[in-house]
Amino acid sequence: MRILQFIHDGWLKTQIEDPSARATMVSLRVVFDGIEIARNVSKRSGSPRDFVNVPLQPIAQALAEHWWQWLYEPYRPLDPDAFKARHRFDSVTNGYAFPAVSVCSGGASSLLVAWRPEPSDSYAIEFITPESPVQVAERASTEEQLMQIVEEALARLKGESDAYSELRAAWNRVSESLQDPDELAYCRFAGRLGLDPYDPDVPDLTEFTNALSPTLLDDISDSANIEDLSETVAWVDKEQPRLKNAPTIDISGFGCPPDDSLDKPPYETGMDAARQLRQRYGVEHKRPHDSVAELFGGALSPTRSALWQSGPASIRGLVQRNGDDARIGAIARTARERHMSVCTAGYMAWISNGEDTRATTRGYTREQMAARAFAREMLAPQDYLKAQAPSRGFTSDDIEELAGQLMCPSDIVAWQASNAGIPLWNVPLEPASLAIV
């Protein structure tokens, strides 16, 4: 099951002085898709076990106080310490040993989960489950698991007035917001930005929620930092009418959008979509540049598609879906950037419904990551690069020459070659890992 589970067999009897910890102490297993994340060994005896003894109360309190940020904020590489405090379980257990497991939003119906063993001299145990790549969890079922932690702690703390009252008050706010559609939408929006919707010092966000369509605002808030949000929303609100003059692509022949299965990472979804689309149009054996031109046509025109040479840092383009047509507005300074932006927007148009306006961004939601992977595979297919590669692999000069032929940013060609297993010589690769923790 692709959910994060917290499993225990009942309450432990303990002589701990803290009454809230004493009341909620459990032997807790943390399981994801059959993997025992909390597996550890005793430093004294060396004996293994699959659980940690930990009170639920501090975990429940942190969930109740930061519910919206924890579950709706996507990964943000800036300010990693603050992000860790909002998303990593071991940061809220009040010194009790707990695996370094983190959860954040993957967008739509998914959550991203990751963990790694972190040695600590203060623990009598050592976690031994190997570090994971970023995993994808089903949102609704995982949220139910986290809600259960809070509800169990509340039931157990009922006789402890201080701890119970504090947790009850925090959880009541969340429960009430879940029942009000308008407040729920506002809380999710605030959470996406890493903000507490109940904090009176948080800026009024209604000016943003009233400016753009919900889907477009979701795309922006999943990628922009709060410091840049006002400028980004204002820019999009001002510039999106220009889409009526943007080039149109016909997506009627694209067929059904690819299935975004949570069993595979988003880059596989994007790459599979690119291969599927080339096969559907019978262009898989053509030169990549020619196949992209055939599929996206006039949207690649330098005089039409690059509506803007610059824009907000988190935005790469806008796309407006209208039935079988999609208008694409790229933010690009060069032809290579324009091709990347158009292909990314083409994927977003493909997966959008009816009449909708979307933004392509630098965000780390599954849709945006899949869109970028789709564009990379359209512009620089891995099989094509393998066929072009000499036995020694590619040098930096080879990469630059290929990038010019493919009309593709050179770093995209380098990463596609690296991911295809082609040796690279003196080719710099910027870090591209999604390291939540």
Protein backbone atom coordinates (compact mmCIF):
# COMPACT_ATOMS: atom_id res chain seq x y z
CA MET A 1 0.00 0.00 0.00
CA ARG A 2 1.49 3.34 -1.01
CA ILE A 3 0.55 5.07 2.21
CA LEU A 4 2.56 6.05 5.24
CA GLN A 5 1.29 3.97 8.15
CA PHE A 6 1.79 4.40 11.89
CA ILE A 7 1.05 1.09 13.62
CA HIS A 8 1.01 0.16 17.29
CA ASP A 9 -0.60 -2.56 19.42
CA GLY A 10 -1.79 -0.45 22.32
CA TRP A 11 -0.45 1.73 25.10
CA LEU A 12 2.70 1.03 27.08
CA LYS A 13 2.92 1.19 30.85
CA THR A 14 5.78 3.46 31.85
CA GLN A 15 7.01 5.50 34.83
CA ILE A 16 7.84 8.63 32.81
CA GLU A 17 7.18 11.78 34.84
CA ASP A 18 5.54 13.77 32.03
CA PRO A 19 1.86 12.75 32.28
CA SER A 20 1.09 13.43 28.59
CA ALA A 21 4.05 11.31 27.45
CA ARG A 22 3.15 8.60 29.97
CA ALA A 23 -0.45 8.48 28.76
CA THR A 24 0.41 8.23 25.05
CA MET A 25 3.56 6.04 25.01
CA VAL A 26 3.47 3.34 22.32
CA SER A 27 5.77 0.97 20.47
CA LEU A 28 5.32 2.55 17.06
CA ARG A 29 6.08 1.05 13.68
CA VAL A 30 6.40 3.39 10.69
CA VAL A 31 5.67 1.54 7.46
CA PHE A 32 5.63 2.66 3.84
CA ASP A 33 4.77 0.22 1.06
CA GLY A 34 5.97 -2.71 3.17
CA ILE A 35 9.22 -0.96 4.22
CA GLU A 36 9.82 -0.74 7.98
CA ILE A 37 11.21 2.77 8.25
CA ALA A 38 11.73 2.61 12.03
CA ARG A 39 13.84 -0.58 11.93
CA ASN A 40 16.74 -0.19 14.34
CA VAL A 41 19.30 -2.02 16.46
CA SER A 42 20.25 -1.50 20.08
CA LYS A 43 23.76 -0.07 20.46
CA ARG A 44 24.22 -2.13 23.61
CA SER A 45 22.90 -5.56 22.65
CA GLY A 46 22.84 -5.32 18.87
CA SER A 47 19.34 -6.81 18.81
CA PRO A 48 17.08 -5.58 15.98
CA ARG A 49 13.50 -4.41 16.21
CA ASP A 50 10.96 -2.72 13.91
CA PHE A 51 9.56 -0.13 16.33
CA VAL A 52 10.45 2.84 18.50
CA ASN A 53 9.02 3.66 21.90
CA VAL A 54 7.66 7.15 21.57
CA PRO A 55 4.73 9.22 22.93
CA LEU A 56 2.08 10.17 20.37
CA GLN A 57 1.28 13.45 22.11
CA PRO A 58 4.11 15.63 20.65
CA ILE A 59 3.57 14.20 17.17
CA ALA A 60 -0.18 14.81 17.40
CA GLN A 61 0.35 18.36 18.68
CA ALA A 62 2.70 19.19 15.82
CA LEU A 63 0.28 17.75 13.28
CA ALA A 64 -2.65 19.72 14.70
CA GLU A 65 -0.69 22.97 14.82
CA HIS A 66 0.90 22.66 11.36
CA TRP A 67 -1.57 20.48 9.47
CA TRP A 68 -1.91 22.68 6.41
CA GLN A 69 1.80 23.36 5.95
CA TRP A 70 2.79 19.76 6.60
CA LEU A 71 0.40 18.28 4.04
CA TYR A 72 0.00 21.02 1.42
CA GLU A 73 3.37 22.71 1.09
CA PRO A 74 5.45 21.21 -1.74
CA TYR A 75 9.19 20.81 -1.51
CA ARG A 76 11.05 24.12 -1.42
CA PRO A 77 14.85 24.05 -1.69
CA LEU A 78 15.19 27.46 -0.06
CA ASP A 79 15.51 27.73 3.72
CA PRO A 80 15.97 23.98 4.34
CA ASP A 81 16.07 24.32 8.14
CA ALA A 82 12.63 25.93 8.27
CA PHE A 83 11.30 23.36 5.81
CA LYS A 84 12.67 20.54 7.97
CA ALA A 85 10.94 21.98 11.04
CA ARG A 86 7.61 21.90 9.20
CA HIS A 87 7.93 18.51 7.55
CA ARG A 88 10.21 16.11 9.42
CA PHE A 89 8.81 13.92 12.15
CA ASP A 90 11.99 13.54 14.17
CA SER A 91 12.07 17.32 14.66
CA VAL A 92 8.90 17.21 16.81
CA THR A 93 9.34 14.17 19.08
CA ASN A 94 10.87 16.08 22.02
CA GLY A 95 14.13 14.15 22.01
CA TYR A 96 12.66 10.66 21.66
CA ALA A 97 14.39 8.56 19.01
CA PHE A 98 12.50 8.67 15.73
CA PRO A 99 13.54 8.02 12.13
CA ALA A 100 14.34 11.02 9.94
CA VAL A 101 11.21 10.72 7.83
CA SER A 102 9.62 13.68 6.08
CA VAL A 103 6.33 14.32 4.33
CA CYS A 104 5.29 17.15 2.03
CA SER A 105 2.83 17.74 -0.79
CA GLY A 106 3.31 16.18 -4.20
CA GLY A 107 0.36 18.15 -5.54
CA ALA A 108 -3.20 17.00 -6.22
CA SER A 109 -3.75 13.53 -4.72
CA SER A 110 -0.19 12.74 -3.71
CA LEU A 111 2.30 13.28 -0.93
CA LEU A 112 6.08 12.92 -1.13
CA VAL A 113 7.81 10.80 1.50
CA ALA A 114 11.52 10.31 2.15
CA TRP A 115 13.70 9.03 4.97
CA ARG A 116 17.31 8.35 5.86
CA PRO A 117 19.21 6.95 8.84
CA GLU A 118 20.89 9.67 10.90
CA PRO A 119 23.42 8.56 13.54
CA SER A 120 23.02 10.24 16.92
CA ASP A 121 25.10 9.82 20.06
CA SER A 122 22.06 10.75 22.14
CA TYR A 123 20.07 7.68 21.04
CA ALA A 124 20.58 4.18 22.46
CA ILE A 125 19.50 2.79 19.09
CA GLU A 126 20.66 3.14 15.50
CA PHE A 127 18.25 3.22 12.58
CA ILE A 128 19.24 0.78 9.87
CA THR A 129 16.65 1.10 7.09
CA PRO A 130 18.56 2.34 4.01
CA GLU A 131 17.96 5.87 2.80
CA SER A 132 15.13 6.10 0.32
CA PRO A 133 14.74 8.04 -2.88
CA VAL A 134 11.71 10.29 -2.76
CA GLN A 135 8.61 8.08 -2.62
CA VAL A 136 5.04 8.91 -3.59
CA ALA A 137 2.20 8.27 -1.16
CA GLU A 138 -1.53 8.39 -1.78
CA ARG A 139 -2.77 11.55 -0.09
CA ALA A 140 -6.23 10.69 1.25
CA SER A 141 -5.25 7.43 2.96
CA THR A 142 -2.09 8.93 4.44
CA GLU A 143 -4.06 11.88 5.78
CA GLU A 144 -6.41 9.42 7.47
CA GLN A 145 -3.42 7.80 9.17
CA LEU A 146 -2.22 11.15 10.46
CA MET A 147 -5.70 12.12 11.61
CA GLN A 148 -5.84 8.85 13.53
CA ILE A 149 -2.69 9.79 15.46
CA VAL A 150 -4.34 13.02 16.59
CA GLU A 151 -7.64 11.37 17.47
CA GLU A 152 -5.93 8.58 19.41
CA ALA A 153 -3.86 11.07 21.37
CA LEU A 154 -6.94 13.12 22.18
CA ALA A 155 -8.82 10.08 23.45
CA ARG A 156 -5.88 9.04 25.60
CA LEU A 157 -5.20 12.54 26.99
CA LYS A 158 -8.75 13.32 28.04
CA GLY A 159 -7.86 13.13 31.71
CA GLU A 160 -4.75 15.33 31.30
CA SER A 161 -6.32 18.77 31.22
CA ASP A 162 -3.43 20.94 29.96
CA ALA A 163 -2.16 18.70 27.18
CA TYR A 164 -5.68 17.71 26.18
CA SER A 165 -6.95 21.29 26.05
CA GLU A 166 -4.02 22.45 23.94
CA LEU A 167 -4.37 19.62 21.46
CA ARG A 168 -8.17 19.84 21.39
CA ALA A 169 -8.07 23.57 20.58
CA ALA A 170 -5.55 23.12 17.77
CA TRP A 171 -7.42 20.17 16.26
CA ASN A 172 -10.81 21.87 16.51
CA ARG A 173 -9.56 24.64 14.23
CA VAL A 174 -8.53 22.09 11.62
CA SER A 175 -11.77 20.10 11.95
CA GLU A 176 -13.91 23.22 11.55
CA SER A 177 -11.94 24.33 8.49
CA LEU A 178 -12.44 20.93 6.88
CA GLN A 179 -16.23 21.45 7.05
CA ASP A 180 -16.28 24.89 5.37
CA PRO A 181 -15.44 24.79 1.62
CA ASP A 182 -14.28 28.43 1.45
CA GLU A 183 -12.17 28.17 4.59
CA LEU A 184 -10.79 24.83 3.43
CA ALA A 185 -9.63 26.37 0.14
CA TYR A 186 -8.03 29.28 2.01
CA CYS A 187 -6.23 26.97 4.46
CA ARG A 188 -4.88 24.82 1.68
CA PHE A 189 -3.64 27.92 -0.13
CA ALA A 190 -1.88 29.18 2.99
CA GLY A 191 -0.42 25.73 3.60
CA ARG A 192 0.98 25.63 0.07
CA LEU A 193 2.98 28.73 0.94
CA GLY A 194 4.23 27.26 4.21
CA LEU A 195 2.02 29.62 6.23
CA ASP A 196 -0.25 29.02 9.22
CA PRO A 197 -3.74 30.18 8.14
CA TYR A 198 -4.68 30.79 11.79
CA ASP A 199 -1.74 33.08 12.54
CA PRO A 200 -3.05 36.66 12.91
CA ASP A 201 0.30 38.03 11.73
CA VAL A 202 0.09 36.25 8.36
CA PRO A 203 -0.69 38.68 5.52
CA ASP A 204 -4.24 38.69 4.18
CA LEU A 205 -4.21 36.19 1.33
CA THR A 206 -7.69 36.91 0.00
CA GLU A 207 -6.29 39.52 -2.40
CA PHE A 208 -4.52 36.65 -4.16
CA THR A 209 -7.37 34.14 -4.00
CA ASN A 210 -9.69 36.64 -5.67
CA ALA A 211 -7.31 37.57 -8.49
CA LEU A 212 -6.85 34.32 -10.43
CA SER A 213 -8.63 31.06 -11.17
CA PRO A 214 -8.12 28.38 -8.49
CA THR A 215 -6.10 26.09 -10.77
CA LEU A 216 -3.79 28.86 -11.92
CA LEU A 217 -3.34 30.08 -8.37
CA ASP A 218 -2.49 26.55 -7.24
CA ASP A 219 0.27 26.32 -9.87
CA ILE A 220 1.73 29.62 -8.74
CA SER A 221 1.51 29.04 -4.99
CA ASP A 222 3.12 25.60 -5.38
CA SER A 223 6.25 27.25 -6.75
CA ALA A 224 6.50 30.90 -5.65
CA ASN A 225 7.89 31.96 -2.30
CA ILE A 226 5.69 34.15 -0.13
CA GLU A 227 8.10 37.06 -0.64
CA ASP A 228 7.55 36.86 -4.41
CA LEU A 229 3.87 35.95 -4.43
CA SER A 230 2.39 39.43 -4.72
CA GLU A 231 4.62 40.36 -7.66
CA THR A 232 4.04 37.00 -9.35
CA VAL A 233 0.25 37.13 -9.04
CA ALA A 234 0.19 40.74 -10.25
CA TRP A 235 2.33 39.84 -13.28
CA VAL A 236 0.16 36.87 -14.24
CA ASP A 237 -3.06 38.85 -13.71
CA LYS A 238 -1.74 41.59 -15.99
CA GLU A 239 -0.19 39.41 -18.66
CA GLN A 240 -2.56 36.47 -19.09
CA PRO A 241 -4.92 38.45 -21.42
CA ARG A 242 -2.04 38.39 -23.93
CA LEU A 243 -2.68 34.68 -24.35
CA LYS A 244 -5.46 35.53 -26.79
CA ASN A 245 -2.67 36.50 -29.20
CA ALA A 246 -0.56 33.43 -28.44
CA PRO A 247 -0.07 30.65 -31.01
CA THR A 248 -2.48 27.74 -30.84
CA ILE A 249 -1.66 24.04 -30.93
CA ASP A 250 -4.20 21.36 -31.79
CA ILE A 251 -4.20 18.64 -29.14
CA SER A 252 -7.20 16.72 -30.44
CA GLY A 253 -4.89 13.99 -31.73
CA PHE A 254 -2.97 13.64 -28.50
CA GLY A 255 -5.53 11.18 -27.17
CA CYS A 256 -6.09 10.49 -23.50
CA PRO A 257 -3.43 11.97 -21.23
CA PRO A 258 -1.02 9.51 -19.65
CA ASP A 259 -2.02 7.75 -16.48
CA ASP A 260 -0.12 9.28 -13.58
CA SER A 261 0.30 6.14 -11.52
CA LEU A 262 1.61 6.71 -8.02
CA ASP A 263 3.63 3.51 -8.43
CA LYS A 264 6.21 5.35 -10.52
CA PRO A 265 8.07 8.64 -10.11
CA PRO A 266 6.83 11.66 -12.06
CA TYR A 267 9.80 11.71 -14.43
CA GLU A 268 8.77 8.26 -15.69
CA THR A 269 5.23 9.52 -16.28
CA GLY A 270 6.59 12.43 -18.33
CA MET A 271 9.02 10.33 -20.31
CA ASP A 272 6.40 7.66 -21.04
CA ALA A 273 4.03 10.40 -22.22
CA ALA A 274 6.63 11.74 -24.68
CA ARG A 275 7.29 8.27 -26.11
CA GLN A 276 3.57 7.56 -26.32
CA LEU A 277 2.91 10.81 -28.15
CA ARG A 278 5.69 10.26 -30.69
CA GLN A 279 4.41 6.76 -31.40
CA ARG A 280 0.82 7.97 -31.71
CA TYR A 281 1.87 10.48 -34.37
CA GLY A 282 4.32 8.08 -36.02
CA VAL A 283 7.29 10.40 -35.58
CA GLU A 284 9.39 8.29 -33.21
CA HIS A 285 11.99 7.60 -35.92
CA LYS A 286 12.31 11.19 -37.08
CA ARG A 287 14.94 13.59 -35.84
CA PRO A 288 13.78 14.94 -32.48
CA HIS A 289 13.82 18.52 -33.73
CA ASP A 290 11.60 17.60 -36.67
CA SER A 291 9.14 15.62 -34.54
CA VAL A 292 8.82 18.50 -32.06
CA ALA A 293 8.20 20.91 -34.94
CA GLU A 294 5.53 18.60 -36.37
CA LEU A 295 3.71 18.30 -33.04
CA PHE A 296 3.93 21.89 -31.84
CA GLY A 297 4.19 23.77 -35.12
CA GLY A 298 3.62 27.49 -34.92
CA ALA A 299 4.01 27.54 -31.15
CA LEU A 300 7.76 27.34 -31.78
CA SER A 301 7.81 30.44 -33.96
CA PRO A 302 10.25 33.00 -32.53
CA THR A 303 7.92 35.86 -33.44
CA ARG A 304 4.82 34.39 -31.80
CA SER A 305 5.40 31.93 -28.98
CA ALA A 306 7.84 33.86 -26.79
CA LEU A 307 5.30 36.36 -25.51
CA TRP A 308 7.70 37.40 -22.78
CA GLN A 309 11.48 37.49 -22.57
CA SER A 310 11.35 37.66 -18.81
CA GLY A 311 8.88 37.01 -16.04
CA PRO A 312 8.67 35.99 -12.39
CA ALA A 313 11.46 33.67 -11.27
CA SER A 314 9.12 30.75 -10.54
CA ILE A 315 7.15 30.90 -13.83
CA ARG A 316 8.25 29.46 -17.19
CA GLY A 317 5.13 30.07 -19.23
CA LEU A 318 1.33 30.15 -19.38
CA VAL A 319 -1.03 27.88 -21.29
CA GLN A 320 -4.75 28.28 -21.90
CA ARG A 321 -6.75 25.18 -22.78
CA ASN A 322 -9.97 25.63 -24.77
CA GLY A 323 -11.41 22.30 -25.84
CA ASP A 324 -9.09 20.75 -28.43
CA ASP A 325 -6.97 23.87 -28.71
CA ALA A 326 -4.33 25.30 -26.42
CA ARG A 327 -2.72 28.71 -26.55
CA ILE A 328 0.88 28.71 -25.37
CA GLY A 329 2.77 31.71 -24.09
CA ALA A 330 6.43 31.04 -23.39
CA ILE A 331 8.81 33.02 -21.22
CA ALA A 332 12.10 32.69 -23.07
CA ARG A 333 15.14 34.65 -24.13
CA THR A 334 16.61 32.11 -26.55
CA ALA A 335 15.32 29.60 -29.08
CA ARG A 336 16.45 26.71 -26.87
CA GLU A 337 14.56 28.06 -23.85
CA ARG A 338 11.52 28.62 -26.07
CA HIS A 339 11.47 25.00 -27.22
CA MET A 340 11.73 23.79 -23.63
CA SER A 341 8.97 26.12 -22.48
CA VAL A 342 6.63 25.18 -25.34
CA CYS A 343 7.04 21.43 -24.80
CA THR A 344 6.47 21.80 -21.06
CA ALA A 345 3.34 23.86 -21.69
CA GLY A 346 2.15 21.32 -24.23
CA TYR A 347 2.12 18.64 -21.54
CA MET A 348 0.20 20.88 -19.13
CA ALA A 349 -2.37 21.58 -21.85
CA TRP A 350 -2.70 17.85 -22.51
CA ILE A 351 -3.51 16.99 -18.89
CA SER A 352 -5.83 19.97 -18.33
CA ASN A 353 -9.60 19.72 -18.63
CA GLY A 354 -12.02 21.81 -20.67
CA GLU A 355 -11.30 25.51 -20.45
CA ASP A 356 -8.45 26.12 -18.08
CA THR A 357 -5.42 28.35 -17.67
CA ARG A 358 -2.28 26.84 -16.19
CA ALA A 359 1.24 27.98 -15.43
CA THR A 360 4.36 25.97 -16.08
CA THR A 361 6.68 26.52 -13.16
CA ARG A 362 9.85 25.43 -11.40
CA GLY A 363 7.74 23.77 -8.71
CA TYR A 364 8.17 20.26 -7.31
CA THR A 365 4.65 18.90 -7.70
CA ARG A 366 4.18 15.70 -9.68
CA GLU A 367 2.50 17.48 -12.59
CA GLN A 368 5.24 20.07 -12.97
CA MET A 369 8.03 17.51 -12.63
CA ALA A 370 6.33 15.24 -15.17
CA ALA A 371 5.88 18.18 -17.55
CA ARG A 372 9.59 18.99 -17.41
CA ALA A 373 10.51 15.32 -17.94
CA PHE A 374 8.13 15.22 -20.93
CA ALA A 375 9.86 18.24 -22.45
CA ARG A 376 13.33 16.77 -21.88
CA GLU A 377 12.38 13.49 -23.54
CA MET A 378 10.68 15.27 -26.47
CA LEU A 379 13.69 17.48 -27.14
CA ALA A 380 16.50 15.02 -26.37
CA PRO A 381 15.16 11.44 -26.37
CA GLN A 382 17.40 9.07 -24.47
CA ASP A 383 17.28 6.40 -27.21
CA TYR A 384 18.35 9.00 -29.76
CA LEU A 385 21.28 10.07 -27.60
CA LYS A 386 22.35 6.45 -27.16
CA ALA A 387 22.35 6.02 -30.94
CA GLN A 388 24.49 9.14 -31.37
CA ALA A 389 26.95 8.42 -28.58
CA PRO A 390 30.46 7.19 -29.46
CA SER A 391 31.84 4.34 -27.39
CA ARG A 392 33.83 6.78 -25.24
CA GLY A 393 30.69 8.77 -24.38
CA PHE A 394 30.14 12.50 -24.72
CA THR A 395 32.50 15.37 -24.04
CA SER A 396 31.31 18.89 -23.22
CA ASP A 397 31.88 19.84 -26.88
CA ASP A 398 29.71 16.91 -28.00
CA ILE A 399 26.95 18.00 -25.63
CA GLU A 400 27.02 21.56 -26.92
CA GLU A 401 26.96 20.42 -30.54
CA LEU A 402 24.01 18.13 -29.87
CA ALA A 403 22.18 20.89 -27.99
CA GLY A 404 22.49 23.11 -31.05
CA GLN A 405 21.16 20.40 -33.37
CA LEU A 406 18.28 19.54 -31.05
CA MET A 407 17.47 23.17 -30.22
CA CYS A 408 17.61 22.27 -26.56
CA PRO A 409 19.39 23.70 -23.50
CA SER A 410 22.76 21.98 -23.11
CA ASP A 411 22.15 21.04 -19.47
CA ILE A 412 19.03 19.13 -20.55
CA VAL A 413 21.07 17.13 -23.08
CA ALA A 414 23.72 16.42 -20.44
CA TRP A 415 21.18 15.15 -17.90
CA GLN A 416 19.34 13.06 -20.47
CA ALA A 417 22.64 11.49 -21.52
CA SER A 418 23.65 10.84 -17.93
CA ASN A 419 20.30 9.27 -17.09
CA ALA A 420 20.61 7.08 -20.20
CA GLY A 421 23.88 5.69 -18.84
CA ILE A 422 26.11 7.40 -21.40
CA PRO A 423 29.61 8.24 -20.06
CA LEU A 424 30.29 11.98 -19.78
CA TRP A 425 33.75 13.55 -19.85
CA ASN A 426 34.31 16.97 -18.27
CA VAL A 427 30.61 17.71 -18.46
CA PRO A 428 29.38 19.66 -15.40
CA LEU A 429 26.03 18.54 -14.00
CA GLU A 430 24.13 20.78 -11.65
CA PRO A 431 22.64 18.94 -8.65
CA ALA A 432 19.13 17.82 -9.54
CA SER A 433 18.14 15.60 -6.63
CA LEU A 434 14.87 16.13 -4.80
CA ALA A 435 16.28 15.71 -1.30
CA ILE A 436 13.38 16.51 1.00
CA VAL A 437 15.25 15.68 4.18
